[in-house]
Amino acid sequence: MLSQIRHHQLFLAHLTPLRGRERKNNGRVRNPGGRIGRPPKPDPAPAGRPPIPGIPLRLFDLPRDYARFDPRDRLNPNAPWMAWARWTIHLLGQARGWKRGICENIEQGLAILLADRVDGEPVLHSEMLPFLRKRVIGVGRTTDVLKRMGLFHDDRRPPFEDWFIGKLDGLAPGIGRDVESWLRILHDGGPRNKARAPATVYGYMSRIRPILLAWSERYDHLREVTRDDVLAMLDQLHGNQRRDALIALRSLLSRARKNGTIFRDPTRGLKVGRYHYGVLQPLLPDDIDRSIQAATAPAARLMVALAGVHAARVADMLALRLDDVDLGNRRIVIAGRARPLDDLTYQLLFDWLRQRAARWPDTANPHLLINHITATTTAPASGQGACLILHRQAATLERLRVDRILEEVLACGADPLHLASVFGLDTTTAIRYADSARQLLTTPAEEQDPAGSGEPKGRNGRNPRVPANPRFEPRLLGWSRRLCTLGFAGTQGRLRSTGPGAALGGAQDSATAGRPARRAAGASELVYGADPHMSRRSLSGRPRYRTKPSLTGAGTRRLGFTAATKISATRENLHRS
C-alpha cells in the first residue's frame, strides 16, 4: 500500500481546509456589489476642524520617538481630531481613487501621530518620516492629509542650501559673496528676474567653478579680474564647453555689475556665437521596425503612435488629459493645438482607454497616461518611466518625433512655414529642419555647375519641392504604412486625417512621389506632402493662405513679423537656388 502512495496532503493544525466551491454552495453572504468578503465600512460622519482655545508655547523642543509607541495609547477613534482626520481621508480618497486598504493604513498612522499632542500642534516631517517608513505607510498621502488639515510643518533643509555651500568651498570670501548672490537670484528669482530651472543653475556653476577656483588663488574679489584673464581661461576650453562657460561668466559678471560690486564687466562685447547644428538624419527602417515590435503594451503603442504620427514630445504626451481627447469628433489637443485623429491613433486610444478603465476603474487621475503609481494620485507619470518603453532602441520616442518631422519636410519640399503651421514649431526650429532637408535632397551631382552649361546657374533650376535624391523617395509617407504592415493596428490601407497637410500613411511610388496631391471636392483635408502653395484649411475649415505668404498675409498674423521675415527670406533663397 505504501508503495502506491505518490504524494501526501499537508494540513496545518487548527486550520480549516479551503473548499471554495462548498463555501459558495453553502450560501455564503455576498455584498450588494457581488464581491465576496466582509462588507464595506460605512462612510464616516462629516466633521470639521475642532475649536482651538489656544496653542501653548514650548520652552524647548524634544524629538518624538514613535518607534516606542504603544498601540494601546493611540488616539481615541471618537476624538474630535480623529473624526476630522477620518473625514478628510474619506474626501481625499474619493477624489483620488484610494482603495480601502490605503485609507485604513493612513488612518492607523494618523491615530498614532496625533496622539498625546496638543490640539492644533503641527506634525514635523522629520519626526513622522522614520515611523511611516517602518510601518510601510505612504508618506506622500499622509502628508497630503495633514496639509489639508493644516497640521503639517516641513522642517527639512532645502537641498539647494547644502549644494551651493559645497560649491562655495575653496573660493575667496569676496568672490564667494558675489557667487552666492548670483546663485540665489538664479534659483529664487527677483523683482525683475525670473527663477531659472534647477538644472540650469547647477549647470552654470559646474561650468565655471574650476575658473573661479583658479581666480581665487590670485584675487580676492571679482573686480580684480580683467578681460585678459577671461580670455586666457576661455582659450583652454573648446566647443560646447567654451560656449557654456562664456554664457555662465557673462551671467555672473553682469549680475555683479548690476549689484555694484565690480566697476566694469570684462565679458562685455564677447560674442557667444551661434550654435552650429549637424544635419538631421532619418532613421533606418529596421530601427523603426524594432521599436514598433518592442512596444507591446497599449500605453507604449499609443506613445509610439503619438510620437511617430503626430510628432508629439514626451512631456506633451504625459501632460495630456482626458478632456483633451474627443473620440466622437475625432480630435485630440496636443500642446494646446487641436489635431485630427487618424484611424490608427483612434484605435490605439480606444484600446488604451478600455484597458485603463478595466484596470483602474476608480482612479481620479485626470491625465490620459497613468501607471500603477500615479493611479492613486493626480500627478502625471514621470518622463523617466516613459523613456524606458524603448530602452536600448535606436529609435527612441524623441528620435521617432524628429524622424516624423523630417519625413514631413522632405515630402513638402523643405518648406519651414509648412512645418510651423502643421506641428506648431518655432521659426528657428522649422528653419533648421528645412536646412537639413535641403542638404538631404541635394545629390553630389547637382552641386556641379559647369560654366559652359546653358541651363540656369545654381542647382540647374530644379524645383526644390521635388525630391532629387531617389534614396529618400521610398521613405516619404511610409510611417503609417509600416505600422499597418507590422500589424501594429487593425487598420489597413491608406490612413487619412483632416487638417493642414494631413494624411498619415499610404504607399507612394517613385512616379508620384514629387507630385502635389489633389484635394477631393468639398473635403477639408490634404495629403502630407502636398504643394505648400495650395489652398489649405485649418481645423475649423477656414482657408489659411492661398498664395505665397507675404508680410501682410495670414502667416504674418500667425507667426509674427520677425518670424515671417525669416521664413520669407529663407523661401526666397530656396527659390533662387
Protein backbone atom coordinates (compact mmCIF):
# COMPACT_ATOMS: atom_id res chain seq x y z
CA MET A 1 0.00 0.00 0.00
CA LEU A 2 2.76 2.45 0.85
CA SER A 3 4.43 1.85 -2.49
CA GLN A 4 1.31 3.13 -4.28
CA ILE A 5 1.32 6.50 -2.43
CA ARG A 6 2.95 9.13 -4.60
CA HIS A 7 2.01 12.35 -2.78
CA HIS A 8 0.63 13.49 0.55
CA GLN A 9 -1.54 16.45 1.50
CA LEU A 10 -0.14 18.57 4.31
CA PHE A 11 -2.62 20.11 6.76
CA LEU A 12 -1.71 22.72 9.37
CA ALA A 13 -3.13 22.48 12.87
CA HIS A 14 -6.26 24.44 13.80
CA LEU A 15 -6.89 25.48 10.22
CA THR A 16 -9.88 24.53 8.11
CA PRO A 17 -9.06 23.39 4.56
CA LEU A 18 -10.23 25.73 1.86
CA ARG A 19 -13.22 24.48 -0.10
CA GLY A 20 -14.22 27.41 -2.24
CA ARG A 21 -16.93 25.55 -4.13
CA GLU A 22 -18.57 24.30 -0.93
CA ARG A 23 -18.48 27.78 0.53
CA LYS A 24 -20.30 29.18 -2.46
CA ASN A 25 -22.88 26.43 -2.39
CA ASN A 26 -23.42 26.76 1.36
CA GLY A 27 -24.98 30.18 0.86
CA ARG A 28 -22.08 32.46 1.65
CA VAL A 29 -23.20 36.05 2.02
CA ARG A 30 -22.36 38.34 -0.88
CA ASN A 31 -22.16 42.10 -0.79
CA PRO A 32 -24.56 44.25 -2.84
CA GLY A 33 -21.81 44.72 -5.44
CA GLY A 34 -21.37 40.95 -5.86
CA ARG A 35 -18.00 40.86 -4.07
CA ILE A 36 -17.37 38.01 -1.63
CA GLY A 37 -15.87 39.07 1.69
CA ARG A 38 -16.52 41.41 4.54
CA PRO A 39 -18.97 44.19 3.81
CA PRO A 40 -17.53 47.67 3.25
CA LYS A 41 -17.39 50.05 6.14
CA PRO A 42 -19.97 52.83 6.22
CA ASP A 43 -18.83 56.30 5.29
CA PRO A 44 -17.59 58.35 8.23
CA ALA A 45 -19.76 61.10 9.61
CA PRO A 46 -18.98 64.60 8.32
CA ALA A 47 -16.73 66.53 10.69
CA GLY A 48 -14.91 69.83 10.73
CA ARG A 49 -11.96 71.40 12.45
CA PRO A 50 -12.44 71.34 16.24
CA PRO A 51 -12.22 74.68 18.02
CA ILE A 52 -8.81 75.53 19.45
CA PRO A 53 -8.72 77.67 22.61
CA GLY A 54 -5.04 78.42 22.06
CA ILE A 55 -1.70 76.72 21.43
CA PRO A 56 0.68 76.91 24.41
CA LEU A 57 4.22 77.98 23.69
CA ARG A 58 7.07 75.50 24.06
CA LEU A 59 10.03 76.12 26.30
CA PHE A 60 12.21 73.66 24.37
CA ASP A 61 11.64 71.07 21.66
CA LEU A 62 12.12 67.37 22.28
CA PRO A 63 12.03 64.98 19.34
CA ARG A 64 9.23 62.44 19.48
CA ASP A 65 10.15 58.76 19.22
CA TYR A 66 7.24 56.94 17.60
CA ALA A 67 9.23 53.69 17.41
CA ARG A 68 8.49 53.05 21.11
CA PHE A 69 4.84 53.99 20.79
CA ASP A 70 2.38 51.65 22.49
CA PRO A 71 -0.58 50.88 20.21
CA ARG A 72 -2.85 50.93 23.23
CA ASP A 73 -2.08 54.63 23.71
CA ARG A 74 -3.22 55.68 20.27
CA LEU A 75 -5.79 58.41 19.80
CA ASN A 76 -9.37 57.57 20.60
CA PRO A 77 -11.30 56.93 17.34
CA ASN A 78 -14.18 59.03 18.66
CA ALA A 79 -11.97 62.03 19.45
CA PRO A 80 -12.84 65.25 17.55
CA TRP A 81 -9.45 65.45 15.84
CA MET A 82 -9.57 61.81 14.76
CA ALA A 83 -13.12 62.23 13.43
CA TRP A 84 -11.96 65.20 11.37
CA ALA A 85 -8.93 63.21 10.11
CA ARG A 86 -11.17 60.28 9.15
CA TRP A 87 -13.50 62.58 7.20
CA THR A 88 -10.54 64.26 5.44
CA ILE A 89 -9.17 60.84 4.43
CA HIS A 90 -12.58 59.92 3.05
CA LEU A 91 -12.79 63.09 0.94
CA LEU A 92 -9.28 62.75 -0.46
CA GLY A 93 -9.80 59.03 -1.09
CA GLN A 94 -12.88 59.71 -3.18
CA ALA A 95 -11.16 62.49 -5.11
CA ARG A 96 -8.03 60.45 -5.87
CA GLY A 97 -9.34 56.92 -6.08
CA TRP A 98 -7.74 55.49 -2.92
CA LYS A 99 -8.75 51.95 -2.08
CA ARG A 100 -9.97 50.82 1.31
CA GLY A 101 -6.60 49.40 2.36
CA ILE A 102 -4.81 52.68 1.66
CA CYS A 103 -7.35 54.66 3.68
CA GLU A 104 -7.09 52.26 6.61
CA ASN A 105 -3.28 52.49 6.68
CA ILE A 106 -3.37 56.28 6.67
CA GLU A 107 -5.99 56.26 9.41
CA GLN A 108 -3.84 53.99 11.59
CA GLY A 109 -0.81 56.22 11.05
CA LEU A 110 -2.68 59.41 11.94
CA ALA A 111 -4.12 57.77 15.06
CA ILE A 112 -0.55 57.43 16.35
CA LEU A 113 0.79 60.73 15.02
CA LEU A 114 -2.00 62.80 16.58
CA ALA A 115 -1.95 61.02 19.96
CA ASP A 116 -0.52 62.82 23.02
CA ARG A 117 -0.35 66.03 21.05
CA VAL A 118 -1.70 69.45 21.95
CA ASP A 119 -4.72 70.45 19.89
CA GLY A 120 -3.51 72.26 16.76
CA GLU A 121 0.16 71.34 17.21
CA PRO A 122 1.70 70.63 13.78
CA VAL A 123 3.41 67.35 12.89
CA LEU A 124 7.04 67.69 11.83
CA HIS A 125 8.23 65.88 8.73
CA SER A 126 11.47 64.76 10.37
CA GLU A 127 9.52 63.08 13.18
CA MET A 128 6.96 61.17 11.15
CA LEU A 129 9.24 60.02 8.29
CA PRO A 130 11.05 57.16 10.14
CA PHE A 131 7.82 55.97 11.73
CA LEU A 132 5.82 55.86 8.49
CA ARG A 133 8.61 54.11 6.59
CA LYS A 134 8.94 51.48 9.30
CA ARG A 135 5.22 50.70 9.14
CA VAL A 136 5.12 50.89 5.31
CA ILE A 137 2.61 53.73 5.22
CA GLY A 138 2.63 56.18 2.33
CA VAL A 139 4.48 59.32 3.37
CA GLY A 140 3.13 61.41 0.49
CA ARG A 141 -0.51 60.51 1.10
CA THR A 142 -0.22 61.09 4.84
CA THR A 143 1.42 64.44 4.16
CA ASP A 144 -1.44 65.43 1.86
CA VAL A 145 -3.98 64.66 4.58
CA LEU A 146 -2.05 66.64 7.18
CA LYS A 147 -1.68 69.58 4.78
CA ARG A 148 -5.42 69.56 4.16
CA MET A 149 -5.93 69.64 7.94
CA GLY A 150 -3.34 72.37 8.42
CA LEU A 151 -1.24 70.24 10.80
CA PHE A 152 1.93 69.72 8.75
CA HIS A 153 5.24 71.53 9.04
CA ASP A 154 8.08 70.80 6.64
CA ASP A 155 11.26 71.25 8.66
CA ARG A 156 13.56 69.79 6.04
CA ARG A 157 16.54 71.82 4.90
CA PRO A 158 16.30 72.71 1.19
CA PRO A 159 18.83 70.65 -0.81
CA PHE A 160 19.88 73.79 -2.67
CA GLU A 161 21.38 75.21 0.52
CA ASP A 162 23.64 72.22 1.05
CA TRP A 163 24.56 72.16 -2.63
CA PHE A 164 25.75 75.73 -3.02
CA ILE A 165 27.60 75.67 0.33
CA GLY A 166 29.67 72.80 -1.05
CA LYS A 167 30.24 74.66 -4.31
CA LEU A 168 31.46 77.79 -2.47
CA ASP A 169 34.04 75.78 -0.56
CA GLY A 170 37.51 76.85 -1.68
CA LEU A 171 36.53 80.22 -3.16
CA ALA A 172 37.85 83.54 -1.89
CA PRO A 173 35.43 85.28 0.52
CA GLY A 174 34.88 88.25 -1.81
CA ILE A 175 34.28 86.04 -4.85
CA GLY A 176 32.10 83.70 -2.80
CA ARG A 177 29.73 86.53 -1.79
CA ASP A 178 29.16 87.56 -5.40
CA VAL A 179 28.66 83.94 -6.49
CA GLU A 180 26.19 83.29 -3.65
CA SER A 181 24.10 86.35 -4.56
CA TRP A 182 24.15 85.30 -8.22
CA LEU A 183 23.08 81.72 -7.47
CA ARG A 184 20.21 82.82 -5.24
CA ILE A 185 18.90 85.18 -7.92
CA LEU A 186 19.05 82.40 -10.49
CA HIS A 187 17.35 79.87 -8.22
CA ASP A 188 14.77 82.02 -6.42
CA GLY A 189 14.31 84.87 -8.87
CA GLY A 190 13.90 88.51 -8.03
CA PRO A 191 11.69 91.55 -8.66
CA ARG A 192 12.91 91.77 -12.26
CA ASN A 193 14.33 88.31 -12.75
CA LYS A 194 12.57 85.03 -13.33
CA ALA A 195 13.71 81.91 -11.49
CA ARG A 196 15.66 79.52 -13.67
CA ALA A 197 15.30 75.77 -13.73
CA PRO A 198 17.42 73.92 -11.14
CA ALA A 199 19.29 72.11 -13.93
CA THR A 200 20.30 75.48 -15.39
CA VAL A 201 21.63 76.72 -12.05
CA TYR A 202 23.59 73.52 -11.44
CA GLY A 203 24.99 73.57 -14.97
CA TYR A 204 26.13 77.19 -14.79
CA MET A 205 28.01 76.65 -11.54
CA SER A 206 29.58 73.39 -12.67
CA ARG A 207 30.96 75.05 -15.82
CA ILE A 208 32.71 77.98 -14.12
CA ARG A 209 33.72 76.54 -10.75
CA PRO A 210 37.20 75.49 -11.99
CA ILE A 211 37.68 79.03 -13.34
CA LEU A 212 36.59 80.61 -10.05
CA LEU A 213 38.95 78.34 -8.09
CA ALA A 214 41.84 79.43 -10.30
CA TRP A 215 40.97 83.11 -9.82
CA SER A 216 40.61 82.64 -6.03
CA GLU A 217 44.28 81.67 -5.83
CA ARG A 218 45.34 85.08 -7.24
CA TYR A 219 42.49 87.51 -6.48
CA ASP A 220 40.24 88.34 -3.55
CA HIS A 221 37.38 89.97 -5.50
CA LEU A 222 35.88 89.75 -8.95
CA ARG A 223 36.71 93.42 -9.52
CA GLU A 224 40.34 92.39 -9.94
CA VAL A 225 39.55 90.09 -12.89
CA THR A 226 40.49 91.61 -16.25
CA ARG A 227 39.46 90.84 -19.79
CA ASP A 228 42.77 89.08 -20.41
CA ASP A 229 42.06 86.71 -17.52
CA VAL A 230 38.71 85.81 -19.04
CA LEU A 231 40.22 85.20 -22.49
CA ALA A 232 43.05 83.13 -21.02
CA MET A 233 40.58 80.83 -19.30
CA LEU A 234 38.37 80.55 -22.37
CA ASP A 235 41.33 79.68 -24.60
CA GLN A 236 41.79 76.48 -22.60
CA LEU A 237 38.28 75.33 -23.49
CA HIS A 238 36.86 74.26 -26.83
CA GLY A 239 33.49 73.58 -28.39
CA ASN A 240 30.43 73.47 -26.19
CA GLN A 241 32.50 73.73 -23.01
CA ARG A 242 33.83 77.12 -24.08
CA ARG A 243 30.39 78.30 -25.14
CA ASP A 244 28.71 77.22 -21.88
CA ALA A 245 31.48 78.72 -19.74
CA LEU A 246 31.23 82.05 -21.54
CA ILE A 247 27.45 82.15 -21.08
CA ALA A 248 27.79 81.44 -17.34
CA LEU A 249 30.58 84.03 -16.90
CA ARG A 250 28.56 86.68 -18.68
CA SER A 251 25.61 85.97 -16.39
CA LEU A 252 27.76 86.13 -13.22
CA LEU A 253 29.72 89.25 -14.08
CA SER A 254 26.70 91.14 -15.40
CA ARG A 255 24.88 90.41 -12.11
CA ALA A 256 27.91 91.64 -10.15
CA ARG A 257 27.95 94.80 -12.29
CA LYS A 258 24.26 95.44 -11.51
CA ASN A 259 24.88 94.91 -7.80
CA GLY A 260 27.75 97.41 -7.87
CA THR A 261 30.44 95.00 -6.67
CA ILE A 262 32.54 95.44 -9.84
CA PHE A 263 33.18 98.59 -11.86
CA ARG A 264 33.32 97.08 -15.34
CA ASP A 265 32.14 93.84 -16.91
CA PRO A 266 35.18 92.18 -18.53
CA THR A 267 32.95 89.92 -20.65
CA ARG A 268 31.12 92.79 -22.32
CA GLY A 269 31.48 92.55 -26.08
CA LEU A 270 32.46 88.89 -26.11
CA LYS A 271 30.16 87.13 -28.54
CA VAL A 272 28.94 83.66 -27.74
CA GLY A 273 28.32 82.84 -31.37
CA ARG A 274 25.65 80.76 -32.99
CA TYR A 275 25.48 77.08 -32.24
CA HIS A 276 26.08 75.04 -35.38
CA TYR A 277 23.77 72.06 -35.57
CA GLY A 278 24.51 68.99 -37.59
CA VAL A 279 22.36 67.67 -40.38
CA LEU A 280 19.39 65.71 -39.07
CA GLN A 281 19.39 62.19 -40.43
CA PRO A 282 16.32 59.99 -40.93
CA LEU A 283 16.06 56.70 -39.08
CA LEU A 284 16.66 53.42 -40.78
CA PRO A 285 13.57 51.30 -41.45
CA ASP A 286 14.99 48.40 -39.45
CA ASP A 287 15.41 50.63 -36.37
CA ILE A 288 11.81 51.80 -36.62
CA ASP A 289 10.57 48.23 -37.06
CA ARG A 290 12.41 47.05 -33.94
CA SER A 291 10.98 49.91 -31.89
CA ILE A 292 7.47 49.13 -33.07
CA GLN A 293 7.87 45.48 -32.19
CA ALA A 294 9.26 46.40 -28.74
CA ALA A 295 6.09 48.37 -27.91
CA THR A 296 3.73 45.64 -26.71
CA ALA A 297 1.61 47.34 -24.02
CA PRO A 298 -1.33 49.52 -25.13
CA ALA A 299 0.17 52.61 -23.46
CA ALA A 300 3.52 52.04 -25.18
CA ARG A 301 1.85 51.54 -28.54
CA LEU A 302 -0.11 54.75 -28.10
CA MET A 303 3.01 56.75 -27.21
CA VAL A 304 4.85 55.37 -30.24
CA ALA A 305 1.96 56.39 -32.48
CA LEU A 306 1.77 59.89 -30.96
CA ALA A 307 5.49 60.38 -31.49
CA GLY A 308 5.69 58.79 -34.93
CA VAL A 309 2.47 60.12 -36.45
CA HIS A 310 1.70 63.37 -34.62
CA ALA A 311 5.31 64.29 -33.69
CA ALA A 312 4.37 64.81 -30.03
CA ARG A 313 7.01 65.35 -27.38
CA VAL A 314 7.23 63.06 -24.37
CA ALA A 315 6.36 65.90 -21.99
CA ASP A 316 3.29 66.78 -24.08
CA MET A 317 2.15 63.14 -24.07
CA LEU A 318 2.40 62.89 -20.30
CA ALA A 319 0.55 66.21 -19.90
CA LEU A 320 -2.43 65.01 -21.96
CA ARG A 321 -5.70 64.92 -20.02
CA LEU A 322 -8.87 63.02 -20.62
CA ASP A 323 -10.59 66.26 -21.61
CA ASP A 324 -8.07 66.70 -24.45
CA VAL A 325 -9.34 63.57 -26.23
CA ASP A 326 -12.62 63.77 -28.15
CA LEU A 327 -13.26 60.41 -29.76
CA GLY A 328 -16.69 61.43 -31.01
CA ASN A 329 -15.37 64.33 -33.09
CA ARG A 330 -12.03 62.56 -33.68
CA ARG A 331 -9.95 65.37 -32.19
CA ILE A 332 -7.02 65.47 -29.78
CA VAL A 333 -5.39 68.55 -28.25
CA ILE A 334 -1.59 68.22 -28.02
CA ALA A 335 0.36 71.14 -26.53
CA GLY A 336 -2.65 73.42 -26.93
CA ARG A 337 -3.18 72.63 -30.62
CA ALA A 338 -6.25 70.70 -31.78
CA ARG A 339 -5.33 67.94 -34.21
CA PRO A 340 -7.47 65.44 -36.10
CA LEU A 341 -7.34 61.77 -35.17
CA ASP A 342 -6.48 59.29 -37.87
CA ASP A 343 -7.76 55.72 -37.81
CA LEU A 344 -4.55 54.35 -36.34
CA THR A 345 -4.34 56.74 -33.39
CA TYR A 346 -8.08 56.48 -32.84
CA GLN A 347 -7.91 52.68 -32.48
CA LEU A 348 -4.89 52.82 -30.16
CA LEU A 349 -6.57 55.46 -28.00
CA PHE A 350 -9.69 53.32 -27.76
CA ASP A 351 -7.66 50.25 -26.73
CA TRP A 352 -5.75 52.17 -24.07
CA LEU A 353 -8.87 53.81 -22.59
CA ARG A 354 -10.56 50.43 -22.39
CA GLN A 355 -7.61 48.91 -20.51
CA ARG A 356 -7.31 52.00 -18.29
CA ALA A 357 -10.96 51.73 -17.25
CA ALA A 358 -10.69 47.98 -16.63
CA ARG A 359 -7.51 48.14 -14.54
CA TRP A 360 -8.17 51.36 -12.59
CA PRO A 361 -11.95 51.87 -12.60
CA ASP A 362 -11.94 54.13 -9.52
CA THR A 363 -8.95 56.33 -10.33
CA ALA A 364 -9.45 60.07 -10.19
CA ASN A 365 -6.28 60.97 -12.10
CA PRO A 366 -7.29 63.33 -14.92
CA HIS A 367 -4.27 62.51 -17.08
CA LEU A 368 -4.58 60.21 -20.07
CA LEU A 369 -1.43 58.16 -19.46
CA ILE A 370 -1.14 56.75 -15.94
CA ASN A 371 0.54 53.79 -14.27
CA HIS A 372 0.21 51.83 -11.04
CA ILE A 373 1.97 54.60 -9.10
CA THR A 374 0.09 57.63 -10.39
CA ALA A 375 -3.29 55.86 -10.48
CA THR A 376 -3.86 56.78 -6.81
CA THR A 377 -2.70 60.38 -7.28
CA THR A 378 -3.49 63.30 -9.55
CA ALA A 379 0.07 63.79 -10.80
CA PRO A 380 1.25 62.88 -14.31
CA ALA A 381 3.55 59.95 -15.00
CA SER A 382 7.29 60.56 -14.94
CA GLY A 383 9.30 61.05 -18.09
CA GLN A 384 11.90 58.56 -16.91
CA GLY A 385 9.39 55.73 -17.00
CA ALA A 386 8.22 56.80 -20.46
CA CYS A 387 11.77 56.69 -21.80
CA LEU A 388 12.13 53.09 -20.60
CA ILE A 389 9.49 51.99 -23.12
CA LEU A 390 12.06 51.94 -25.93
CA HIS A 391 15.12 51.39 -23.76
CA ARG A 392 18.24 50.39 -25.71
CA GLN A 393 16.50 51.00 -29.01
CA ALA A 394 17.99 53.19 -31.71
CA ALA A 395 14.58 54.69 -32.50
CA THR A 396 13.54 56.26 -29.19
CA LEU A 397 10.43 58.37 -28.76
CA GLU A 398 12.38 61.58 -29.36
CA ARG A 399 14.09 60.12 -32.42
CA LEU A 400 10.73 58.99 -33.78
CA ARG A 401 9.38 62.51 -33.33
CA VAL A 402 12.34 64.02 -35.17
CA ASP A 403 12.04 61.42 -37.92
CA ARG A 404 8.35 62.24 -38.37
CA ILE A 405 9.04 65.97 -38.78
CA LEU A 406 11.95 65.24 -41.09
CA GLU A 407 9.78 62.97 -43.18
CA GLU A 408 7.18 65.73 -43.49
CA VAL A 409 9.69 68.39 -44.51
CA LEU A 410 11.19 66.04 -47.11
CA ALA A 411 7.74 65.49 -48.56
CA CYS A 412 6.70 69.15 -48.67
CA GLY A 413 9.95 70.38 -50.24
CA ALA A 414 11.82 71.96 -47.32
CA ASP A 415 9.09 74.49 -46.51
CA PRO A 416 9.60 75.87 -42.95
CA LEU A 417 6.25 77.65 -42.96
CA HIS A 418 4.53 74.33 -43.62
CA LEU A 419 6.22 72.78 -40.57
CA ALA A 420 5.38 75.76 -38.37
CA SER A 421 1.74 75.51 -39.45
CA VAL A 422 1.32 71.74 -39.10
CA PHE A 423 3.36 70.92 -36.00
CA GLY A 424 3.45 74.31 -34.26
CA LEU A 425 7.26 74.55 -34.32
CA ASP A 426 9.26 77.64 -33.55
CA THR A 427 10.59 79.52 -36.55
CA THR A 428 14.22 78.72 -35.73
CA THR A 429 13.45 75.03 -35.33
CA ALA A 430 11.45 74.95 -38.55
CA ILE A 431 14.29 76.59 -40.47
CA ARG A 432 16.74 74.08 -39.01
CA TYR A 433 14.63 71.17 -40.27
CA ALA A 434 14.32 72.87 -43.66
CA ASP A 435 18.10 73.30 -43.91
CA SER A 436 18.65 69.63 -43.11
CA ALA A 437 16.04 68.62 -45.69
CA ARG A 438 17.69 70.70 -48.42
CA GLN A 439 21.03 69.05 -47.77
CA LEU A 440 19.44 65.60 -47.82
CA LEU A 441 17.55 66.32 -51.05
CA THR A 442 20.69 67.52 -52.83
CA THR A 443 22.86 64.93 -54.60
CA PRO A 444 26.61 65.42 -55.26
CA ALA A 445 25.93 65.63 -58.99
CA GLU A 446 23.61 68.61 -58.54
CA GLU A 447 26.31 70.58 -56.78
CA GLN A 448 28.33 70.67 -60.03
CA ASP A 449 27.58 73.72 -62.18
CA PRO A 450 29.70 73.76 -65.35
CA ALA A 451 30.42 77.21 -66.72
CA GLY A 452 29.57 76.27 -70.28
CA SER A 453 26.15 74.89 -69.46
CA GLY A 454 23.22 76.70 -70.96
CA GLU A 455 20.97 75.81 -68.05
CA PRO A 456 20.33 78.27 -65.23
CA LYS A 457 23.11 78.51 -62.69
CA GLY A 458 22.83 77.27 -59.14
CA ARG A 459 21.18 73.89 -58.89
CA ASN A 460 20.13 73.81 -62.55
CA GLY A 461 16.79 75.44 -61.87
CA ARG A 462 15.41 72.36 -60.18
CA ASN A 463 12.15 72.74 -58.28
CA PRO A 464 13.17 72.35 -54.63
CA ARG A 465 9.85 70.74 -53.79
CA VAL A 466 10.63 67.72 -55.98
CA PRO A 467 12.95 65.23 -54.24
CA ALA A 468 16.13 64.80 -56.28
CA ASN A 469 17.74 62.06 -54.26
CA PRO A 470 15.98 58.76 -55.03
CA ARG A 471 17.34 57.28 -51.82
CA PHE A 472 14.75 59.21 -49.81
CA GLU A 473 11.74 58.80 -52.10
CA PRO A 474 10.61 55.42 -50.67
CA ARG A 475 10.79 56.94 -47.16
CA LEU A 476 8.07 59.50 -47.89
CA LEU A 477 4.65 58.83 -46.41
CA GLY A 478 5.70 55.47 -45.07
CA TRP A 479 5.15 55.74 -41.34
CA SER A 480 1.54 54.63 -41.08
CA ARG A 481 2.02 52.11 -43.88
CA ARG A 482 4.86 50.50 -41.92
CA LEU A 483 2.77 50.40 -38.73
CA CYS A 484 -0.09 48.64 -40.51
CA THR A 485 2.25 46.23 -42.27
CA LEU A 486 3.68 45.05 -38.95
CA GLY A 487 0.20 44.55 -37.51
CA PHE A 488 0.55 47.49 -35.14
CA ALA A 489 -3.15 48.23 -35.51
CA GLY A 490 -6.19 46.64 -37.06
CA THR A 491 -6.46 49.29 -39.75
CA GLN A 492 -5.31 48.59 -43.27
CA GLY A 493 -4.97 50.65 -46.39
CA ARG A 494 -4.30 54.34 -46.62
CA LEU A 495 -4.74 56.21 -43.33
CA ARG A 496 -6.01 59.72 -43.66
CA SER A 497 -6.76 62.56 -41.29
CA THR A 498 -8.16 66.02 -41.70
CA GLY A 499 -6.20 69.16 -41.11
CA PRO A 500 -3.47 71.20 -42.76
CA GLY A 501 -1.44 68.83 -44.86
CA ALA A 502 -2.64 65.73 -43.10
CA ALA A 503 -2.65 62.21 -44.46
CA LEU A 504 -0.82 59.84 -42.24
CA GLY A 505 0.06 56.91 -44.41
CA GLY A 506 -0.21 55.09 -47.63
CA ALA A 507 2.41 53.96 -50.08
CA GLN A 508 3.74 56.19 -52.83
CA ASP A 509 5.56 55.02 -55.88
CA SER A 510 8.55 56.81 -57.34
CA ALA A 511 6.49 58.22 -60.20
CA THR A 512 4.14 60.17 -57.93
CA ALA A 513 6.48 60.92 -55.04
CA GLY A 514 7.09 64.53 -56.04
CA ARG A 515 3.67 65.41 -57.43
CA PRO A 516 1.37 67.58 -55.34
CA ALA A 517 -1.60 65.67 -54.02
CA ARG A 518 -5.08 66.65 -55.14
CA ARG A 519 -7.75 67.52 -52.63
CA ALA A 520 -11.15 65.94 -53.03
CA ALA A 521 -14.02 68.27 -53.77
CA GLY A 522 -15.76 69.53 -50.65
CA ALA A 523 -13.22 67.95 -48.31
CA SER A 524 -11.11 69.92 -45.84
CA GLU A 525 -8.19 67.52 -45.82
CA LEU A 526 -4.91 67.43 -47.64
CA VAL A 527 -2.27 64.80 -48.05
CA TYR A 528 1.02 65.17 -46.27
CA GLY A 529 3.48 66.27 -48.89
CA ALA A 530 1.01 68.44 -50.81
CA ASP A 531 2.02 71.60 -52.61
CA PRO A 532 2.62 74.24 -49.90
CA HIS A 533 1.14 76.95 -52.16
CA MET A 534 -2.21 75.19 -52.44
CA SER A 535 -5.22 76.45 -50.56
CA ARG A 536 -5.10 74.97 -47.07
CA ARG A 537 -7.79 74.82 -44.49
CA SER A 538 -7.46 74.96 -40.75
CA LEU A 539 -9.18 72.64 -38.35
CA SER A 540 -12.22 74.88 -38.41
CA GLY A 541 -12.46 74.71 -42.22
CA ARG A 542 -11.33 78.31 -42.92
CA PRO A 543 -8.55 78.80 -45.52
CA ARG A 544 -5.21 79.72 -44.01
CA TYR A 545 -3.45 81.06 -47.12
CA ARG A 546 -3.75 80.55 -50.85
CA THR A 547 -0.67 82.12 -52.37
CA LYS A 548 2.90 82.64 -51.40
CA PRO A 549 2.81 84.15 -47.88
CA SER A 550 3.81 87.78 -47.61
CA LEU A 551 4.43 90.09 -44.68
CA THR A 552 0.77 91.13 -44.70
CA GLY A 553 -0.73 87.67 -45.09
CA ALA A 554 -2.12 85.15 -42.64
CA GLY A 555 1.34 83.75 -42.00
CA THR A 556 2.44 87.07 -40.54
CA ARG A 557 -0.54 87.21 -38.20
CA ARG A 558 0.16 83.67 -37.02
CA LEU A 559 3.93 83.73 -36.61
CA GLY A 560 4.69 87.43 -36.08
CA PHE A 561 6.55 89.97 -38.17
CA THR A 562 10.08 88.74 -37.36
CA ALA A 563 9.23 85.08 -37.88
CA ALA A 564 7.52 85.75 -41.19
CA THR A 565 10.50 87.83 -42.34
CA LYS A 566 12.91 84.97 -41.61
CA ILE A 567 10.73 82.40 -43.31
CA SER A 568 10.10 84.60 -46.35
CA ALA A 569 13.81 85.24 -46.75
CA THR A 570 14.53 81.53 -46.47
CA ARG A 571 11.94 80.69 -49.09
CA GLU A 572 13.26 83.37 -51.49
CA ASN A 573 16.77 81.97 -51.17
CA LEU A 574 15.38 78.50 -51.74
CA HIS A 575 13.62 79.52 -54.98
CA ARG A 576 16.64 81.43 -56.23
CA SER A 577 18.80 78.32 -55.84
